[in-house]
């Protein structure tokens, strides 16, 4: 019997199935897929997701700085090595998130959504007309801190390895894909997206961008690079690496569950 890959081991570990389900299925996602999510709720979430995406850029840059390209190979073609494959993956990640940020701005303008949304401030148990300063909420801040722990000094943590980063990269992208795929499956057949609560922003623009075949292929490449890189790690540190990977995987799942807002 062949040995499980790291990703297989993480996904099949006890207690993960429930965490994964909660990270990829929520009332927010159901409403989004059905076209019943109000524009205000979408603006609130998009504003936080945009901050997440900006931090993701620093995260990807930090992983690139951890890639050690070989100076020579047996066949003389370094472009065929795993390190080059990982570098290409991270270049794709950066290109994708850059397009994502542009999509946010274009779609927000088209559908009159806000990208710096803040709700009213609670005063004495009531909601006032005042608004707090825009910034990351508690969950987004936790994600930003996780991403920034991989960035270059002085904010980065030099103990965080490329393997750790590949776990986080794969986990975040896989959960995102599966969450929006689940949302897409909630769509009403033959429904006119123009009549959606958000005017069609999610079903016409965002969900198609978050579920296409090329994104599915990217997530598979994240998984394959992670598993291949894990397989060549020193056997003496395998147990510690596996434990760190599980800790990071669970952290992403817990954060992702909370990243989907509570909606009525």
C-alpha atoms as a PDB file:
ATOM      1  CA  UNK A   1       0.000   0.000   0.000  1.00  0.00           C
ATOM      2  CA  UNK A   2       1.460   3.349  -1.019  1.00  0.00           C
ATOM      3  CA  UNK A   3       2.099   6.035   1.524  1.00  0.00           C
ATOM      4  CA  UNK A   4      -0.446   8.867   1.746  1.00  0.00           C
ATOM      5  CA  UNK A   5       0.595  12.228   0.391  1.00  0.00           C
ATOM      6  CA  UNK A   6       0.660  15.128   2.810  1.00  0.00           C
ATOM      7  CA  UNK A   7      -2.531  16.659   1.406  1.00  0.00           C
ATOM      8  CA  UNK A   8      -4.341  13.307   1.607  1.00  0.00           C
ATOM      9  CA  UNK A   9      -3.197  12.884   5.181  1.00  0.00           C
ATOM     10  CA  UNK A  10      -4.420  16.354   6.139  1.00  0.00           C
ATOM     11  CA  UNK A  11      -7.821  15.919   4.515  1.00  0.00           C
ATOM     12  CA  UNK A  12      -8.419  12.479   6.008  1.00  0.00           C
ATOM     13  CA  UNK A  13      -7.304  13.276   9.560  1.00  0.00           C
ATOM     14  CA  UNK A  14      -9.846  12.814  12.385  1.00  0.00           C
ATOM     15  CA  UNK A  15     -12.052  15.842  12.954  1.00  0.00           C
ATOM     16  CA  UNK A  16     -11.141  17.531   9.677  1.00  0.00           C
ATOM     17  CA  UNK A  17     -14.335  16.638   7.785  1.00  0.00           C
ATOM     18  CA  UNK A  18     -16.520  18.737  10.093  1.00  0.00           C
ATOM     19  CA  UNK A  19     -14.111  21.663  10.059  1.00  0.00           C
ATOM     20  CA  UNK A  20     -13.876  21.518   6.286  1.00  0.00           C
ATOM     21  CA  UNK A  21     -17.623  21.451   5.823  1.00  0.00           C
ATOM     22  CA  UNK A  22     -18.097  24.510   8.018  1.00  0.00           C
ATOM     23  CA  UNK A  23     -15.298  26.322   6.159  1.00  0.00           C
ATOM     24  CA  UNK A  24     -16.898  25.722   2.756  1.00  0.00           C
ATOM     25  CA  UNK A  25     -20.627  25.837   3.485  1.00  0.00           C
ATOM     26  CA  UNK A  26     -22.519  28.696   5.101  1.00  0.00           C
ATOM     27  CA  UNK A  27     -25.769  30.617   4.880  1.00  0.00           C
ATOM     28  CA  UNK A  28     -23.818  33.528   3.391  1.00  0.00           C
ATOM     29  CA  UNK A  29     -22.598  31.329   0.536  1.00  0.00           C
ATOM     30  CA  UNK A  30     -26.057  29.857  -0.028  1.00  0.00           C
ATOM     31  CA  UNK A  31     -27.599  33.320  -0.343  1.00  0.00           C
ATOM     32  CA  UNK A  32     -24.758  34.392  -2.620  1.00  0.00           C
ATOM     33  CA  UNK A  33     -25.338  31.465  -4.962  1.00  0.00           C
ATOM     34  CA  UNK A  34     -29.090  32.033  -4.991  1.00  0.00           C
ATOM     35  CA  UNK A  35     -28.731  35.728  -5.824  1.00  0.00           C
ATOM     36  CA  UNK A  36     -30.340  36.690  -2.521  1.00  0.00           C
ATOM     37  CA  UNK A  37     -27.349  38.350  -0.838  1.00  0.00           C
ATOM     38  CA  UNK A  38     -27.978  42.090  -0.396  1.00  0.00           C
ATOM     39  CA  UNK A  39     -25.498  44.489  -1.980  1.00  0.00           C
ATOM     40  CA  UNK A  40     -24.675  45.916   1.460  1.00  0.00           C
ATOM     41  CA  UNK A  41     -23.691  42.483   2.782  1.00  0.00           C
ATOM     42  CA  UNK A  42     -21.639  41.808  -0.327  1.00  0.00           C
ATOM     43  CA  UNK A  43     -19.872  45.180  -0.002  1.00  0.00           C
ATOM     44  CA  UNK A  44     -18.989  44.411   3.604  1.00  0.00           C
ATOM     45  CA  UNK A  45     -17.475  41.050   2.720  1.00  0.00           C
ATOM     46  CA  UNK A  46     -15.714  42.278  -0.438  1.00  0.00           C
ATOM     47  CA  UNK A  47     -14.084  45.074   1.531  1.00  0.00           C
ATOM     48  CA  UNK A  48     -12.505  42.503   3.837  1.00  0.00           C
ATOM     49  CA  UNK A  49     -11.637  40.093   1.025  1.00  0.00           C
ATOM     50  CA  UNK A  50      -9.814  42.923  -0.742  1.00  0.00           C
ATOM     51  CA  UNK A  51      -7.617  43.460   2.332  1.00  0.00           C
ATOM     52  CA  UNK A  52      -7.021  39.699   2.420  1.00  0.00           C
ATOM     53  CA  UNK A  53      -5.938  39.772  -1.245  1.00  0.00           C
ATOM     54  CA  UNK A  54      -3.520  42.643  -0.626  1.00  0.00           C
ATOM     55  CA  UNK A  55      -1.879  40.669   2.191  1.00  0.00           C
ATOM     56  CA  UNK A  56      -1.791  37.588  -0.050  1.00  0.00           C
ATOM     57  CA  UNK A  57       0.563  39.473  -2.379  1.00  0.00           C
ATOM     58  CA  UNK A  58       3.075  39.910   0.443  1.00  0.00           C
ATOM     59  CA  UNK A  59       2.588  36.253   1.395  1.00  0.00           C
ATOM     60  CA  UNK A  60       3.329  35.024  -2.130  1.00  0.00           C
ATOM     61  CA  UNK A  61       6.384  37.275  -2.254  1.00  0.00           C
ATOM     62  CA  UNK A  62       7.606  35.769   0.997  1.00  0.00           C
ATOM     63  CA  UNK A  63       7.263  32.261  -0.417  1.00  0.00           C
ATOM     64  CA  UNK A  64       9.188  33.247  -3.535  1.00  0.00           C
ATOM     65  CA  UNK A  65      12.026  34.414  -1.281  1.00  0.00           C
ATOM     66  CA  UNK A  66      12.132  30.911   0.232  1.00  0.00           C
ATOM     67  CA  UNK A  67      12.534  29.089  -3.082  1.00  0.00           C
ATOM     68  CA  UNK A  68      16.111  27.924  -3.510  1.00  0.00           C
ATOM     69  CA  UNK A  69      16.711  27.400  -7.211  1.00  0.00           C
ATOM     70  CA  UNK A  70      19.333  24.761  -8.018  1.00  0.00           C
ATOM     71  CA  UNK A  71      22.613  25.919  -9.498  1.00  0.00           C
ATOM     72  CA  UNK A  72      22.949  22.722 -11.507  1.00  0.00           C
ATOM     73  CA  UNK A  73      21.054  19.538 -12.308  1.00  0.00           C
ATOM     74  CA  UNK A  74      22.050  16.189 -13.724  1.00  0.00           C
ATOM     75  CA  UNK A  75      20.550  16.930 -17.143  1.00  0.00           C
ATOM     76  CA  UNK A  76      21.608  20.564 -17.125  1.00  0.00           C
ATOM     77  CA  UNK A  77      18.055  21.952 -17.352  1.00  0.00           C
ATOM     78  CA  UNK A  78      17.094  23.609 -14.073  1.00  0.00           C
ATOM     79  CA  UNK A  79      13.697  24.616 -15.461  1.00  0.00           C
ATOM     80  CA  UNK A  80      12.554  21.001 -15.058  1.00  0.00           C
ATOM     81  CA  UNK A  81      13.197  20.919 -11.304  1.00  0.00           C
ATOM     82  CA  UNK A  82      10.550  21.024  -8.586  1.00  0.00           C
ATOM     83  CA  UNK A  83      11.920  24.342  -7.358  1.00  0.00           C
ATOM     84  CA  UNK A  84      11.265  25.933 -10.737  1.00  0.00           C
ATOM     85  CA  UNK A  85       7.802  24.385 -10.782  1.00  0.00           C
ATOM     86  CA  UNK A  86       7.032  25.935  -7.401  1.00  0.00           C
ATOM     87  CA  UNK A  87       8.370  29.299  -8.560  1.00  0.00           C
ATOM     88  CA  UNK A  88       6.099  29.130 -11.606  1.00  0.00           C
ATOM     89  CA  UNK A  89       3.161  28.310  -9.334  1.00  0.00           C
ATOM     90  CA  UNK A  90       3.860  31.347  -7.159  1.00  0.00           C
ATOM     91  CA  UNK A  91       4.155  33.569 -10.225  1.00  0.00           C
ATOM     92  CA  UNK A  92       0.712  32.332 -11.274  1.00  0.00           C
ATOM     93  CA  UNK A  93      -0.607  33.070  -7.777  1.00  0.00           C
ATOM     94  CA  UNK A  94       0.668  36.649  -7.939  1.00  0.00           C
ATOM     95  CA  UNK A  95      -0.748  37.175 -11.409  1.00  0.00           C
ATOM     96  CA  UNK A  96      -4.099  35.798 -10.301  1.00  0.00           C
ATOM     97  CA  UNK A  97      -4.457  37.936  -7.205  1.00  0.00           C
ATOM     98  CA  UNK A  98      -3.453  41.033  -9.176  1.00  0.00           C
ATOM     99  CA  UNK A  99      -6.270  40.354 -11.640  1.00  0.00           C
ATOM    100  CA  UNK A 100      -8.563  39.716  -8.682  1.00  0.00           C
ATOM    101  CA  UNK A 101      -7.932  43.147  -7.205  1.00  0.00           C
ATOM    102  CA  UNK A 102      -8.611  44.733 -10.593  1.00  0.00           C
ATOM    103  CA  UNK A 103     -11.845  42.733 -10.860  1.00  0.00           C
ATOM    104  CA  UNK A 104     -12.931  44.004  -7.456  1.00  0.00           C
ATOM    105  CA  UNK A 105     -12.553  47.613  -8.537  1.00  0.00           C
ATOM    106  CA  UNK A 106     -14.172  47.150 -11.948  1.00  0.00           C
ATOM    107  CA  UNK A 107     -17.128  45.186 -10.585  1.00  0.00           C
ATOM    108  CA  UNK A 108     -17.633  47.520  -7.632  1.00  0.00           C
ATOM    109  CA  UNK A 109     -17.871  50.444 -10.031  1.00  0.00           C
ATOM    110  CA  UNK A 110     -20.229  48.599 -12.376  1.00  0.00           C
ATOM    111  CA  UNK A 111     -22.617  47.441  -9.636  1.00  0.00           C
ATOM    112  CA  UNK A 112     -22.190  50.380  -7.245  1.00  0.00           C
ATOM    113  CA  UNK A 113     -20.592  48.330  -4.471  1.00  0.00           C
ATOM    114  CA  UNK A 114     -18.343  49.708  -1.739  1.00  0.00           C
ATOM    115  CA  UNK A 115     -14.789  48.474  -1.186  1.00  0.00           C
ATOM    116  CA  UNK A 116     -14.218  50.353   2.061  1.00  0.00           C
ATOM    117  CA  UNK A 117     -17.458  49.402   3.724  1.00  0.00           C
ATOM    118  CA  UNK A 118     -17.992  49.901   7.440  1.00  0.00           C
ATOM    119  CA  UNK A 119     -21.240  49.478   9.296  1.00  0.00           C
ATOM    120  CA  UNK A 120     -22.801  51.818  11.852  1.00  0.00           C
ATOM    121  CA  UNK A 121     -21.261  52.073  15.317  1.00  0.00           C
ATOM    122  CA  UNK A 122     -23.076  50.688  18.349  1.00  0.00           C
ATOM    123  CA  UNK A 123     -23.694  53.312  21.051  1.00  0.00           C
ATOM    124  CA  UNK A 124     -25.465  52.405  24.267  1.00  0.00           C
ATOM    125  CA  UNK A 125     -27.007  49.315  22.741  1.00  0.00           C
ATOM    126  CA  UNK A 126     -28.273  51.216  19.694  1.00  0.00           C
ATOM    127  CA  UNK A 127     -26.820  51.734  16.226  1.00  0.00           C
ATOM    128  CA  UNK A 128     -25.829  55.321  15.500  1.00  0.00           C
ATOM    129  CA  UNK A 129     -25.310  57.020  12.160  1.00  0.00           C
ATOM    130  CA  UNK A 130     -21.572  57.239  12.867  1.00  0.00           C
ATOM    131  CA  UNK A 131     -19.173  54.917  11.114  1.00  0.00           C
ATOM    132  CA  UNK A 132     -15.905  53.489  12.380  1.00  0.00           C
ATOM    133  CA  UNK A 133     -12.671  53.923  10.442  1.00  0.00           C
ATOM    134  CA  UNK A 134     -12.271  51.335   7.700  1.00  0.00           C
ATOM    135  CA  UNK A 135      -9.863  48.489   8.361  1.00  0.00           C
ATOM    136  CA  UNK A 136      -9.608  44.745   8.784  1.00  0.00           C
ATOM    137  CA  UNK A 137     -12.008  43.065  11.145  1.00  0.00           C
ATOM    138  CA  UNK A 138     -10.772  40.534  13.695  1.00  0.00           C
ATOM    139  CA  UNK A 139     -10.810  37.550  11.334  1.00  0.00           C
ATOM    140  CA  UNK A 140      -9.248  39.422   8.422  1.00  0.00           C
ATOM    141  CA  UNK A 141      -6.544  40.727  10.762  1.00  0.00           C
ATOM    142  CA  UNK A 142      -5.782  37.147  11.822  1.00  0.00           C
ATOM    143  CA  UNK A 143      -5.447  36.153   8.159  1.00  0.00           C
ATOM    144  CA  UNK A 144      -3.213  39.155   7.467  1.00  0.00           C
ATOM    145  CA  UNK A 145      -1.022  38.238  10.438  1.00  0.00           C
ATOM    146  CA  UNK A 146      -0.739  34.673   9.117  1.00  0.00           C
ATOM    147  CA  UNK A 147       0.233  35.875   5.651  1.00  0.00           C
ATOM    148  CA  UNK A 148       2.638  38.483   6.993  1.00  0.00           C
ATOM    149  CA  UNK A 149       4.415  35.867   9.115  1.00  0.00           C
ATOM    150  CA  UNK A 150       5.836  34.590   5.820  1.00  0.00           C
ATOM    151  CA  UNK A 151       6.976  37.954   4.479  1.00  0.00           C
ATOM    152  CA  UNK A 152      10.534  39.214   4.415  1.00  0.00           C
ATOM    153  CA  UNK A 153      11.989  40.701   7.572  1.00  0.00           C
ATOM    154  CA  UNK A 154      11.323  42.540   9.812  1.00  0.00           C
ATOM    155  CA  UNK A 155       7.725  41.271   9.947  1.00  0.00           C
ATOM    156  CA  UNK A 156       8.355  37.761   8.748  1.00  0.00           C
ATOM    157  CA  UNK A 157       9.106  34.711  10.858  1.00  0.00           C
ATOM    158  CA  UNK A 158      12.286  33.008   9.672  1.00  0.00           C
ATOM    159  CA  UNK A 159      11.177  29.737  11.264  1.00  0.00           C
ATOM    160  CA  UNK A 160       8.317  29.501   8.769  1.00  0.00           C
ATOM    161  CA  UNK A 161       9.428  27.184   5.988  1.00  0.00           C
ATOM    162  CA  UNK A 162       8.512  26.933   2.324  1.00  0.00           C
ATOM    163  CA  UNK A 163       6.633  23.725   3.191  1.00  0.00           C
ATOM    164  CA  UNK A 164       4.569  25.646   5.764  1.00  0.00           C
ATOM    165  CA  UNK A 165       3.782  28.269   3.165  1.00  0.00           C
ATOM    166  CA  UNK A 166       2.745  25.724   0.558  1.00  0.00           C
ATOM    167  CA  UNK A 167       0.329  24.208   3.080  1.00  0.00           C
ATOM    168  CA  UNK A 168      -1.259  27.622   3.673  1.00  0.00           C
ATOM    169  CA  UNK A 169      -1.351  28.396  -0.057  1.00  0.00           C
ATOM    170  CA  UNK A 170      -3.046  25.112  -0.961  1.00  0.00           C
ATOM    171  CA  UNK A 171      -5.449  25.224   1.994  1.00  0.00           C
ATOM    172  CA  UNK A 172      -6.649  28.768   1.330  1.00  0.00           C
ATOM    173  CA  UNK A 173      -7.076  28.232  -2.405  1.00  0.00           C
ATOM    174  CA  UNK A 174      -8.775  24.837  -2.114  1.00  0.00           C
ATOM    175  CA  UNK A 175     -11.226  26.060   0.509  1.00  0.00           C
ATOM    176  CA  UNK A 176     -12.009  29.151  -1.578  1.00  0.00           C
ATOM    177  CA  UNK A 177     -12.653  27.061  -4.692  1.00  0.00           C
ATOM    178  CA  UNK A 178     -14.824  24.511  -2.894  1.00  0.00           C
ATOM    179  CA  UNK A 179     -16.776  27.204  -1.039  1.00  0.00           C
ATOM    180  CA  UNK A 180     -17.714  29.086  -4.190  1.00  0.00           C
ATOM    181  CA  UNK A 181     -18.356  25.870  -6.098  1.00  0.00           C
ATOM    182  CA  UNK A 182     -20.871  24.979  -3.389  1.00  0.00           C
ATOM    183  CA  UNK A 183     -22.381  28.450  -3.701  1.00  0.00           C
ATOM    184  CA  UNK A 184     -22.656  28.084  -7.474  1.00  0.00           C
ATOM    185  CA  UNK A 185     -24.618  24.861  -7.015  1.00  0.00           C
ATOM    186  CA  UNK A 186     -27.258  26.800  -5.037  1.00  0.00           C
ATOM    187  CA  UNK A 187     -28.193  28.892  -8.058  1.00  0.00           C
ATOM    188  CA  UNK A 188     -31.789  28.871  -9.229  1.00  0.00           C
ATOM    189  CA  UNK A 189     -31.984  27.373 -12.707  1.00  0.00           C
ATOM    190  CA  UNK A 190     -32.773  29.892 -15.455  1.00  0.00           C
ATOM    191  CA  UNK A 191     -32.977  32.723 -12.923  1.00  0.00           C
ATOM    192  CA  UNK A 192     -32.234  36.197 -14.257  1.00  0.00           C
ATOM    193  CA  UNK A 193     -29.178  37.515 -12.392  1.00  0.00           C
ATOM    194  CA  UNK A 194     -30.267  41.092 -13.132  1.00  0.00           C
ATOM    195  CA  UNK A 195     -33.013  40.561 -10.596  1.00  0.00           C
ATOM    196  CA  UNK A 196     -30.573  39.439  -7.881  1.00  0.00           C
ATOM    197  CA  UNK A 197     -30.300  41.413  -4.656  1.00  0.00           C
ATOM    198  CA  UNK A 198     -26.822  42.589  -5.701  1.00  0.00           C
ATOM    199  CA  UNK A 199     -27.857  43.332  -9.281  1.00  0.00           C
ATOM    200  CA  UNK A 200     -26.020  40.276 -10.560  1.00  0.00           C
ATOM    201  CA  UNK A 201     -22.497  41.064  -9.335  1.00  0.00           C
ATOM    202  CA  UNK A 202     -21.936  37.659  -7.767  1.00  0.00           C
ATOM    203  CA  UNK A 203     -23.563  35.412 -10.335  1.00  0.00           C
ATOM    204  CA  UNK A 204     -22.433  37.376 -13.403  1.00  0.00           C
ATOM    205  CA  UNK A 205     -18.945  38.417 -12.334  1.00  0.00           C
ATOM    206  CA  UNK A 206     -17.499  36.976  -9.141  1.00  0.00           C
ATOM    207  CA  UNK A 207     -18.678  33.358  -8.978  1.00  0.00           C
ATOM    208  CA  UNK A 208     -17.662  32.627 -12.594  1.00  0.00           C
ATOM    209  CA  UNK A 209     -14.230  34.070 -11.745  1.00  0.00           C
ATOM    210  CA  UNK A 210     -13.882  31.907  -8.623  1.00  0.00           C
ATOM    211  CA  UNK A 211     -14.923  28.545 -10.107  1.00  0.00           C
ATOM    212  CA  UNK A 212     -13.552  28.164 -13.680  1.00  0.00           C
ATOM    213  CA  UNK A 213     -11.462  25.275 -14.966  1.00  0.00           C
ATOM    214  CA  UNK A 214      -8.225  27.274 -14.950  1.00  0.00           C
ATOM    215  CA  UNK A 215      -8.662  28.041 -11.243  1.00  0.00           C
ATOM    216  CA  UNK A 216      -9.411  24.370 -10.598  1.00  0.00           C
ATOM    217  CA  UNK A 217      -6.177  23.499 -12.413  1.00  0.00           C
ATOM    218  CA  UNK A 218      -4.271  26.043 -10.311  1.00  0.00           C
ATOM    219  CA  UNK A 219      -5.581  24.484  -7.091  1.00  0.00           C
ATOM    220  CA  UNK A 220      -4.536  21.027  -8.314  1.00  0.00           C
ATOM    221  CA  UNK A 221      -1.075  22.385  -9.053  1.00  0.00           C
ATOM    222  CA  UNK A 222      -0.908  23.839  -5.521  1.00  0.00           C
ATOM    223  CA  UNK A 223      -1.687  20.384  -4.158  1.00  0.00           C
ATOM    224  CA  UNK A 224       0.781  18.576  -6.413  1.00  0.00           C
ATOM    225  CA  UNK A 225       3.613  20.994  -5.594  1.00  0.00           C
ATOM    226  CA  UNK A 226       2.871  20.690  -1.888  1.00  0.00           C
ATOM    227  CA  UNK A 227       2.889  16.903  -1.987  1.00  0.00           C
ATOM    228  CA  UNK A 228       6.017  16.714  -4.130  1.00  0.00           C
ATOM    229  CA  UNK A 229       7.905  19.134  -1.902  1.00  0.00           C
ATOM    230  CA  UNK A 230       6.780  17.339   1.269  1.00  0.00           C
ATOM    231  CA  UNK A 231       7.989  14.038  -0.186  1.00  0.00           C
ATOM    232  CA  UNK A 232      11.593  15.242  -0.494  1.00  0.00           C
ATOM    233  CA  UNK A 233      11.922  16.606   3.037  1.00  0.00           C
ATOM    234  CA  UNK A 234      14.452  15.129   5.431  1.00  0.00           C
ATOM    235  CA  UNK A 235      12.959  12.057   7.113  1.00  0.00           C
ATOM    236  CA  UNK A 236      14.443  13.194  10.435  1.00  0.00           C
ATOM    237  CA  UNK A 237      12.140  16.227  10.479  1.00  0.00           C
ATOM    238  CA  UNK A 238       9.119  14.549   8.864  1.00  0.00           C
ATOM    239  CA  UNK A 239       7.140  14.192  12.099  1.00  0.00           C
ATOM    240  CA  UNK A 240       7.656  17.818  13.098  1.00  0.00           C
ATOM    241  CA  UNK A 241       6.791  18.991   9.593  1.00  0.00           C
ATOM    242  CA  UNK A 242       3.593  16.957   9.556  1.00  0.00           C
ATOM    243  CA  UNK A 243       2.543  18.380  12.929  1.00  0.00           C
ATOM    244  CA  UNK A 244       3.213  21.940  11.763  1.00  0.00           C
ATOM    245  CA  UNK A 245       1.267  21.279   8.578  1.00  0.00           C
ATOM    246  CA  UNK A 246      -1.753  20.036  10.507  1.00  0.00           C
ATOM    247  CA  UNK A 247      -1.664  23.053  12.810  1.00  0.00           C
ATOM    248  CA  UNK A 248      -1.609  25.432   9.847  1.00  0.00           C
ATOM    249  CA  UNK A 249      -4.302  23.512   7.973  1.00  0.00           C
ATOM    250  CA  UNK A 250      -6.656  23.613  10.939  1.00  0.00           C
ATOM    251  CA  UNK A 251      -5.918  27.300  11.451  1.00  0.00           C
ATOM    252  CA  UNK A 252      -6.931  28.100   7.874  1.00  0.00           C
ATOM    253  CA  UNK A 253     -10.155  26.091   8.220  1.00  0.00           C
ATOM    254  CA  UNK A 254     -11.112  27.851  11.459  1.00  0.00           C
ATOM    255  CA  UNK A 255     -10.357  31.271   9.974  1.00  0.00           C
ATOM    256  CA  UNK A 256     -12.265  30.508   6.795  1.00  0.00           C
ATOM    257  CA  UNK A 257     -15.359  29.434   8.700  1.00  0.00           C
ATOM    258  CA  UNK A 258     -15.371  32.799  10.477  1.00  0.00           C
ATOM    259  CA  UNK A 259     -14.530  34.714   7.298  1.00  0.00           C
ATOM    260  CA  UNK A 260     -18.046  34.099   5.955  1.00  0.00           C
ATOM    261  CA  UNK A 261     -20.244  36.730   7.653  1.00  0.00           C
ATOM    262  CA  UNK A 262     -23.290  35.876   9.697  1.00  0.00           C
ATOM    263  CA  UNK A 263     -26.358  36.933   7.731  1.00  0.00           C
ATOM    264  CA  UNK A 264     -30.088  36.724   8.378  1.00  0.00           C
END
